[in-house]
């Protein structure tokens, strides 16, 4: 088995170990201070989520209230470099973290196979935001392929979803559209598909968001539901 977790975690630790804060600009100017705070907050959140995934409660506790950083990045980085990084490296050497059974094994058995194939390796490597982004990109791409195959149009995102799932003239029908309930189903899922592009895929793609492991599983399960709805479409 490739050492996916170990490689990803080691890279995180190396980046934090090499992270340096220029003290004079940091304390003298609010603008660079804010940038550094945001960058380091993202790195610490990712490391904390990874430690939580591995069950390293002591390290999680040390980082629990550390973020968001607001002018205290120097103190936080000192603690990370002096204690968290050496302890995490010791634990990597002491055990094969790639062979630790995933506590979310049961979850992936219920996830749509295309979503699982993309999201699971990213999630288990600790890249929770990337797992979410990949899931909703796959939903978007699946709908794009269907539309392009039917009439050659190239649409994307929320506009793609409102066009394809429109109750008035749908490209993908999720019901027979024979009753008001049928039309409500079509309308409702059109809004869910479009909303997931606007509210989940786009923010993650455009910003360095780092959802927790729990929130990531919630979002991945939504992407799985949407992929299953596509598979269940009316021909």
C-alpha atoms as a PDB file:
ATOM      1  CA  UNK A   1       0.000   0.000   0.000  1.00  0.00           C
ATOM      2  CA  UNK A   2       1.464   3.415  -0.951  1.00  0.00           C
ATOM      3  CA  UNK A   3       2.316   5.604   2.010  1.00  0.00           C
ATOM      4  CA  UNK A   4      -0.332   8.215   1.266  1.00  0.00           C
ATOM      5  CA  UNK A   5      -1.000   9.442   4.796  1.00  0.00           C
ATOM      6  CA  UNK A   6       2.617   9.408   5.904  1.00  0.00           C
ATOM      7  CA  UNK A   7       3.723  11.327   2.823  1.00  0.00           C
ATOM      8  CA  UNK A   8       0.971  13.934   3.190  1.00  0.00           C
ATOM      9  CA  UNK A   9       1.508  14.419   6.923  1.00  0.00           C
ATOM     10  CA  UNK A  10       5.284  14.634   6.541  1.00  0.00           C
ATOM     11  CA  UNK A  11       4.822  17.340   3.909  1.00  0.00           C
ATOM     12  CA  UNK A  12       2.581  19.325   6.280  1.00  0.00           C
ATOM     13  CA  UNK A  13       5.134  19.037   9.082  1.00  0.00           C
ATOM     14  CA  UNK A  14       8.006  20.049   6.806  1.00  0.00           C
ATOM     15  CA  UNK A  15       6.121  23.146   5.639  1.00  0.00           C
ATOM     16  CA  UNK A  16       5.374  24.204   9.208  1.00  0.00           C
ATOM     17  CA  UNK A  17       8.924  23.483  10.360  1.00  0.00           C
ATOM     18  CA  UNK A  18      10.276  25.752   7.608  1.00  0.00           C
ATOM     19  CA  UNK A  19       7.662  28.491   8.121  1.00  0.00           C
ATOM     20  CA  UNK A  20       9.264  31.768   9.159  1.00  0.00           C
ATOM     21  CA  UNK A  21       7.602  34.989  10.282  1.00  0.00           C
ATOM     22  CA  UNK A  22       9.429  38.274   9.554  1.00  0.00           C
ATOM     23  CA  UNK A  23       9.039  39.896  12.957  1.00  0.00           C
ATOM     24  CA  UNK A  24       9.350  43.592  12.111  1.00  0.00           C
ATOM     25  CA  UNK A  25       6.779  43.608   9.266  1.00  0.00           C
ATOM     26  CA  UNK A  26       4.497  41.321  11.276  1.00  0.00           C
ATOM     27  CA  UNK A  27       4.328  43.560  14.321  1.00  0.00           C
ATOM     28  CA  UNK A  28       4.574  46.892  12.490  1.00  0.00           C
ATOM     29  CA  UNK A  29       1.997  46.524   9.711  1.00  0.00           C
ATOM     30  CA  UNK A  30      -1.536  45.124   9.942  1.00  0.00           C
ATOM     31  CA  UNK A  31      -1.632  44.051   6.295  1.00  0.00           C
ATOM     32  CA  UNK A  32       1.215  41.485   6.299  1.00  0.00           C
ATOM     33  CA  UNK A  33       0.134  40.425   9.767  1.00  0.00           C
ATOM     34  CA  UNK A  34      -3.333  39.523   8.445  1.00  0.00           C
ATOM     35  CA  UNK A  35      -1.885  37.604   5.496  1.00  0.00           C
ATOM     36  CA  UNK A  36       0.481  35.615   7.695  1.00  0.00           C
ATOM     37  CA  UNK A  37      -2.270  34.928  10.228  1.00  0.00           C
ATOM     38  CA  UNK A  38      -4.546  33.548   7.489  1.00  0.00           C
ATOM     39  CA  UNK A  39      -1.864  31.373   5.896  1.00  0.00           C
ATOM     40  CA  UNK A  40      -0.698  29.896   9.180  1.00  0.00           C
ATOM     41  CA  UNK A  41      -4.285  29.399  10.387  1.00  0.00           C
ATOM     42  CA  UNK A  42      -4.985  27.248   7.334  1.00  0.00           C
ATOM     43  CA  UNK A  43      -1.866  25.147   7.863  1.00  0.00           C
ATOM     44  CA  UNK A  44      -2.572  24.600  11.567  1.00  0.00           C
ATOM     45  CA  UNK A  45      -6.217  23.711  10.895  1.00  0.00           C
ATOM     46  CA  UNK A  46      -5.148  21.126   8.322  1.00  0.00           C
ATOM     47  CA  UNK A  47      -2.615  19.599  10.723  1.00  0.00           C
ATOM     48  CA  UNK A  48      -5.144  19.518  13.564  1.00  0.00           C
ATOM     49  CA  UNK A  49      -7.741  17.813  11.361  1.00  0.00           C
ATOM     50  CA  UNK A  50      -5.159  15.231  10.281  1.00  0.00           C
ATOM     51  CA  UNK A  51      -4.205  14.522  13.903  1.00  0.00           C
ATOM     52  CA  UNK A  52      -7.888  14.158  14.741  1.00  0.00           C
ATOM     53  CA  UNK A  53      -8.291  11.648  11.920  1.00  0.00           C
ATOM     54  CA  UNK A  54      -5.420   9.603  13.357  1.00  0.00           C
ATOM     55  CA  UNK A  55      -6.776   9.760  16.901  1.00  0.00           C
ATOM     56  CA  UNK A  56      -3.879  11.820  18.286  1.00  0.00           C
ATOM     57  CA  UNK A  57      -5.992  13.510  20.952  1.00  0.00           C
ATOM     58  CA  UNK A  58      -3.100  15.126  22.833  1.00  0.00           C
ATOM     59  CA  UNK A  59      -1.880  16.972  19.750  1.00  0.00           C
ATOM     60  CA  UNK A  60      -5.432  17.959  18.811  1.00  0.00           C
ATOM     61  CA  UNK A  61      -5.904  19.409  22.295  1.00  0.00           C
ATOM     62  CA  UNK A  62      -2.749  21.527  21.951  1.00  0.00           C
ATOM     63  CA  UNK A  63      -4.063  23.061  18.734  1.00  0.00           C
ATOM     64  CA  UNK A  64      -7.782  23.201  19.644  1.00  0.00           C
ATOM     65  CA  UNK A  65      -8.069  26.890  20.557  1.00  0.00           C
ATOM     66  CA  UNK A  66      -5.043  28.098  18.633  1.00  0.00           C
ATOM     67  CA  UNK A  67      -6.949  29.345  15.579  1.00  0.00           C
ATOM     68  CA  UNK A  68      -8.048  31.655  14.104  1.00  0.00           C
ATOM     69  CA  UNK A  69      -4.786  33.519  14.619  1.00  0.00           C
ATOM     70  CA  UNK A  70      -5.123  37.230  15.302  1.00  0.00           C
ATOM     71  CA  UNK A  71      -1.767  38.814  15.888  1.00  0.00           C
ATOM     72  CA  UNK A  72      -0.472  35.806  17.826  1.00  0.00           C
ATOM     73  CA  UNK A  73       1.068  33.784  15.002  1.00  0.00           C
ATOM     74  CA  UNK A  74       4.586  33.983  16.462  1.00  0.00           C
ATOM     75  CA  UNK A  75       3.545  32.341  19.740  1.00  0.00           C
ATOM     76  CA  UNK A  76       1.481  29.710  17.939  1.00  0.00           C
ATOM     77  CA  UNK A  77       4.299  28.837  15.550  1.00  0.00           C
ATOM     78  CA  UNK A  78       6.735  28.525  18.457  1.00  0.00           C
ATOM     79  CA  UNK A  79       4.484  25.920  20.099  1.00  0.00           C
ATOM     80  CA  UNK A  80       3.953  24.058  16.842  1.00  0.00           C
ATOM     81  CA  UNK A  81       7.656  23.908  16.066  1.00  0.00           C
ATOM     82  CA  UNK A  82       8.803  23.177  19.622  1.00  0.00           C
ATOM     83  CA  UNK A  83       6.301  20.467  20.549  1.00  0.00           C
ATOM     84  CA  UNK A  84       3.694  19.465  17.973  1.00  0.00           C
ATOM     85  CA  UNK A  85       6.038  18.801  15.055  1.00  0.00           C
ATOM     86  CA  UNK A  86       8.603  16.714  17.029  1.00  0.00           C
ATOM     87  CA  UNK A  87       5.815  14.713  18.695  1.00  0.00           C
ATOM     88  CA  UNK A  88       4.051  14.079  15.396  1.00  0.00           C
ATOM     89  CA  UNK A  89       7.309  12.921  13.798  1.00  0.00           C
ATOM     90  CA  UNK A  90       7.913  10.585  16.753  1.00  0.00           C
ATOM     91  CA  UNK A  91       4.474   9.052  16.281  1.00  0.00           C
ATOM     92  CA  UNK A  92       5.039   8.583  12.567  1.00  0.00           C
ATOM     93  CA  UNK A  93       8.250   6.678  13.288  1.00  0.00           C
ATOM     94  CA  UNK A  94       6.583   4.591  15.990  1.00  0.00           C
ATOM     95  CA  UNK A  95       3.680   3.329  13.893  1.00  0.00           C
ATOM     96  CA  UNK A  96       2.637   2.744  10.314  1.00  0.00           C
ATOM     97  CA  UNK A  97      -0.106   5.336   9.996  1.00  0.00           C
ATOM     98  CA  UNK A  98      -1.016   4.108   6.510  1.00  0.00           C
ATOM     99  CA  UNK A  99      -2.117   0.769   7.988  1.00  0.00           C
ATOM    100  CA  UNK A 100      -4.331   2.247  10.693  1.00  0.00           C
ATOM    101  CA  UNK A 101      -7.922   1.239   9.984  1.00  0.00           C
ATOM    102  CA  UNK A 102      -9.999   4.170   8.873  1.00  0.00           C
ATOM    103  CA  UNK A 103     -12.683   5.088  11.425  1.00  0.00           C
ATOM    104  CA  UNK A 104     -14.843   6.128   8.476  1.00  0.00           C
ATOM    105  CA  UNK A 105     -14.662   2.772   6.651  1.00  0.00           C
ATOM    106  CA  UNK A 106     -18.402   2.252   7.105  1.00  0.00           C
ATOM    107  CA  UNK A 107     -19.135   5.668   5.597  1.00  0.00           C
ATOM    108  CA  UNK A 108     -17.400   4.984   2.288  1.00  0.00           C
ATOM    109  CA  UNK A 109     -19.390   1.791   1.777  1.00  0.00           C
ATOM    110  CA  UNK A 110     -22.493   3.959   1.308  1.00  0.00           C
ATOM    111  CA  UNK A 111     -20.919   6.682  -0.830  1.00  0.00           C
ATOM    112  CA  UNK A 112     -21.403   6.731  -4.602  1.00  0.00           C
ATOM    113  CA  UNK A 113     -18.407   4.889  -6.112  1.00  0.00           C
ATOM    114  CA  UNK A 114     -17.261   7.801  -8.282  1.00  0.00           C
ATOM    115  CA  UNK A 115     -17.360  10.180  -5.335  1.00  0.00           C
ATOM    116  CA  UNK A 116     -15.608   7.664  -3.096  1.00  0.00           C
ATOM    117  CA  UNK A 117     -12.838   7.086  -5.642  1.00  0.00           C
ATOM    118  CA  UNK A 118     -12.050  10.799  -5.741  1.00  0.00           C
ATOM    119  CA  UNK A 119     -12.784  11.888  -2.178  1.00  0.00           C
ATOM    120  CA  UNK A 120     -11.619   9.018  -0.015  1.00  0.00           C
ATOM    121  CA  UNK A 121      -7.866   9.120  -0.758  1.00  0.00           C
ATOM    122  CA  UNK A 122      -7.842  12.890  -0.289  1.00  0.00           C
ATOM    123  CA  UNK A 123      -9.855  12.677   2.937  1.00  0.00           C
ATOM    124  CA  UNK A 124      -7.715   9.920   4.419  1.00  0.00           C
ATOM    125  CA  UNK A 125      -4.569  11.871   3.551  1.00  0.00           C
ATOM    126  CA  UNK A 126      -5.958  14.760   5.593  1.00  0.00           C
ATOM    127  CA  UNK A 127      -6.885  17.020   2.666  1.00  0.00           C
ATOM    128  CA  UNK A 128     -10.508  17.494   3.667  1.00  0.00           C
ATOM    129  CA  UNK A 129     -11.162  20.606   1.603  1.00  0.00           C
ATOM    130  CA  UNK A 130      -9.722  18.951  -1.499  1.00  0.00           C
ATOM    131  CA  UNK A 131     -11.968  15.929  -0.913  1.00  0.00           C
ATOM    132  CA  UNK A 132     -15.048  18.156  -0.853  1.00  0.00           C
ATOM    133  CA  UNK A 133     -13.956  20.143  -3.897  1.00  0.00           C
ATOM    134  CA  UNK A 134     -13.239  16.992  -5.926  1.00  0.00           C
ATOM    135  CA  UNK A 135     -16.672  15.581  -5.018  1.00  0.00           C
ATOM    136  CA  UNK A 136     -18.628  18.570  -6.279  1.00  0.00           C
ATOM    137  CA  UNK A 137     -16.433  18.981  -9.338  1.00  0.00           C
ATOM    138  CA  UNK A 138     -17.374  15.412 -10.241  1.00  0.00           C
ATOM    139  CA  UNK A 139     -21.085  16.223  -9.812  1.00  0.00           C
ATOM    140  CA  UNK A 140     -20.634  19.251 -12.071  1.00  0.00           C
ATOM    141  CA  UNK A 141     -18.662  17.268 -14.649  1.00  0.00           C
ATOM    142  CA  UNK A 142     -21.210  14.434 -14.702  1.00  0.00           C
ATOM    143  CA  UNK A 143     -24.019  16.863 -15.534  1.00  0.00           C
ATOM    144  CA  UNK A 144     -21.835  18.669 -18.096  1.00  0.00           C
ATOM    145  CA  UNK A 145     -21.124  15.394 -19.902  1.00  0.00           C
ATOM    146  CA  UNK A 146     -24.818  14.561 -20.151  1.00  0.00           C
ATOM    147  CA  UNK A 147     -25.731  18.001 -21.517  1.00  0.00           C
ATOM    148  CA  UNK A 148     -22.856  18.045 -23.996  1.00  0.00           C
ATOM    149  CA  UNK A 149     -23.702  14.553 -25.191  1.00  0.00           C
ATOM    150  CA  UNK A 150     -27.307  15.544 -25.870  1.00  0.00           C
ATOM    151  CA  UNK A 151     -26.944  18.873 -27.674  1.00  0.00           C
ATOM    152  CA  UNK A 152     -23.302  19.968 -27.547  1.00  0.00           C
ATOM    153  CA  UNK A 153     -23.805  22.874 -25.139  1.00  0.00           C
ATOM    154  CA  UNK A 154     -21.028  23.807 -22.712  1.00  0.00           C
ATOM    155  CA  UNK A 155     -22.377  25.211 -19.445  1.00  0.00           C
ATOM    156  CA  UNK A 156     -20.990  25.163 -15.918  1.00  0.00           C
ATOM    157  CA  UNK A 157     -21.919  25.597 -12.275  1.00  0.00           C
ATOM    158  CA  UNK A 158     -25.254  26.930 -11.086  1.00  0.00           C
ATOM    159  CA  UNK A 159     -26.287  28.003 -14.591  1.00  0.00           C
ATOM    160  CA  UNK A 160     -25.701  24.472 -15.822  1.00  0.00           C
ATOM    161  CA  UNK A 161     -27.870  23.045 -13.063  1.00  0.00           C
ATOM    162  CA  UNK A 162     -30.809  25.413 -13.524  1.00  0.00           C
ATOM    163  CA  UNK A 163     -30.775  24.694 -17.259  1.00  0.00           C
ATOM    164  CA  UNK A 164     -30.456  20.925 -17.044  1.00  0.00           C
ATOM    165  CA  UNK A 165     -32.912  20.362 -14.184  1.00  0.00           C
ATOM    166  CA  UNK A 166     -35.453  23.060 -15.106  1.00  0.00           C
ATOM    167  CA  UNK A 167     -38.982  21.792 -14.378  1.00  0.00           C
ATOM    168  CA  UNK A 168     -40.250  23.508 -17.548  1.00  0.00           C
ATOM    169  CA  UNK A 169     -37.867  21.914 -20.062  1.00  0.00           C
ATOM    170  CA  UNK A 170     -35.464  19.547 -18.287  1.00  0.00           C
ATOM    171  CA  UNK A 171     -32.547  17.836 -19.946  1.00  0.00           C
ATOM    172  CA  UNK A 172     -32.372  15.459 -16.982  1.00  0.00           C
ATOM    173  CA  UNK A 173     -35.733  14.406 -15.591  1.00  0.00           C
ATOM    174  CA  UNK A 174     -35.727  13.174 -12.000  1.00  0.00           C
ATOM    175  CA  UNK A 175     -39.420  12.250 -12.113  1.00  0.00           C
ATOM    176  CA  UNK A 176     -42.203  11.727 -14.651  1.00  0.00           C
ATOM    177  CA  UNK A 177     -43.311  15.378 -14.210  1.00  0.00           C
ATOM    178  CA  UNK A 178     -46.896  14.184 -14.434  1.00  0.00           C
ATOM    179  CA  UNK A 179     -48.080  15.531 -11.071  1.00  0.00           C
ATOM    180  CA  UNK A 180     -47.453  18.517  -8.854  1.00  0.00           C
ATOM    181  CA  UNK A 181     -45.377  16.312  -6.561  1.00  0.00           C
ATOM    182  CA  UNK A 182     -43.241  15.253  -9.535  1.00  0.00           C
ATOM    183  CA  UNK A 183     -42.663  18.887 -10.489  1.00  0.00           C
ATOM    184  CA  UNK A 184     -41.844  19.775  -6.890  1.00  0.00           C
ATOM    185  CA  UNK A 185     -39.181  17.048  -6.841  1.00  0.00           C
ATOM    186  CA  UNK A 186     -37.668  18.386 -10.059  1.00  0.00           C
ATOM    187  CA  UNK A 187     -37.748  21.984  -8.773  1.00  0.00           C
ATOM    188  CA  UNK A 188     -36.340  21.057  -5.396  1.00  0.00           C
ATOM    189  CA  UNK A 189     -33.402  19.091  -6.725  1.00  0.00           C
ATOM    190  CA  UNK A 190     -32.670  21.766  -9.313  1.00  0.00           C
ATOM    191  CA  UNK A 191     -32.259  24.188  -6.425  1.00  0.00           C
ATOM    192  CA  UNK A 192     -30.099  21.754  -4.449  1.00  0.00           C
ATOM    193  CA  UNK A 193     -27.835  21.076  -7.445  1.00  0.00           C
ATOM    194  CA  UNK A 194     -27.494  24.801  -8.207  1.00  0.00           C
ATOM    195  CA  UNK A 195     -27.016  25.719  -4.554  1.00  0.00           C
ATOM    196  CA  UNK A 196     -24.267  23.153  -4.105  1.00  0.00           C
ATOM    197  CA  UNK A 197     -22.322  24.767  -6.941  1.00  0.00           C
ATOM    198  CA  UNK A 198     -22.776  28.309  -5.607  1.00  0.00           C
ATOM    199  CA  UNK A 199     -22.440  27.592  -1.906  1.00  0.00           C
ATOM    200  CA  UNK A 200     -19.988  24.668  -1.755  1.00  0.00           C
ATOM    201  CA  UNK A 201     -17.983  24.102  -4.931  1.00  0.00           C
ATOM    202  CA  UNK A 202     -17.279  27.731  -5.829  1.00  0.00           C
ATOM    203  CA  UNK A 203     -16.100  28.973  -2.402  1.00  0.00           C
ATOM    204  CA  UNK A 204     -13.804  25.952  -1.993  1.00  0.00           C
ATOM    205  CA  UNK A 205     -12.387  26.343  -5.504  1.00  0.00           C
ATOM    206  CA  UNK A 206     -11.708  30.078  -5.084  1.00  0.00           C
ATOM    207  CA  UNK A 207     -10.484  30.230  -1.496  1.00  0.00           C
ATOM    208  CA  UNK A 208      -8.224  28.181   0.771  1.00  0.00           C
ATOM    209  CA  UNK A 209     -11.053  26.758   2.894  1.00  0.00           C
ATOM    210  CA  UNK A 210     -10.304  23.997   5.394  1.00  0.00           C
ATOM    211  CA  UNK A 211     -13.496  22.313   6.635  1.00  0.00           C
ATOM    212  CA  UNK A 212     -13.272  19.940   9.585  1.00  0.00           C
ATOM    213  CA  UNK A 213     -13.321  16.199   8.993  1.00  0.00           C
ATOM    214  CA  UNK A 214     -16.926  15.988  10.225  1.00  0.00           C
ATOM    215  CA  UNK A 215     -18.186  18.823   8.039  1.00  0.00           C
ATOM    216  CA  UNK A 216     -16.332  17.333   5.067  1.00  0.00           C
ATOM    217  CA  UNK A 217     -18.159  14.018   5.498  1.00  0.00           C
ATOM    218  CA  UNK A 218     -21.485  15.868   5.588  1.00  0.00           C
ATOM    219  CA  UNK A 219     -20.669  17.639   2.327  1.00  0.00           C
ATOM    220  CA  UNK A 220     -19.326  14.513   0.639  1.00  0.00           C
ATOM    221  CA  UNK A 221     -22.546  12.683   1.530  1.00  0.00           C
ATOM    222  CA  UNK A 222     -24.500  15.442  -0.234  1.00  0.00           C
ATOM    223  CA  UNK A 223     -22.369  15.045  -3.351  1.00  0.00           C
ATOM    224  CA  UNK A 224     -22.996  11.296  -3.174  1.00  0.00           C
ATOM    225  CA  UNK A 225     -26.753  11.872  -2.988  1.00  0.00           C
ATOM    226  CA  UNK A 226     -26.636  14.123  -6.043  1.00  0.00           C
ATOM    227  CA  UNK A 227     -24.628  11.570  -8.029  1.00  0.00           C
ATOM    228  CA  UNK A 228     -27.170   8.897  -7.144  1.00  0.00           C
ATOM    229  CA  UNK A 229     -29.996  11.174  -8.311  1.00  0.00           C
ATOM    230  CA  UNK A 230     -28.225  11.567 -11.652  1.00  0.00           C
ATOM    231  CA  UNK A 231     -27.961   7.773 -11.958  1.00  0.00           C
ATOM    232  CA  UNK A 232     -31.693   7.434 -11.174  1.00  0.00           C
ATOM    233  CA  UNK A 233     -32.774   9.922 -13.871  1.00  0.00           C
ATOM    234  CA  UNK A 234     -35.735   9.150 -16.118  1.00  0.00           C
ATOM    235  CA  UNK A 235     -34.808   8.105 -19.641  1.00  0.00           C
END
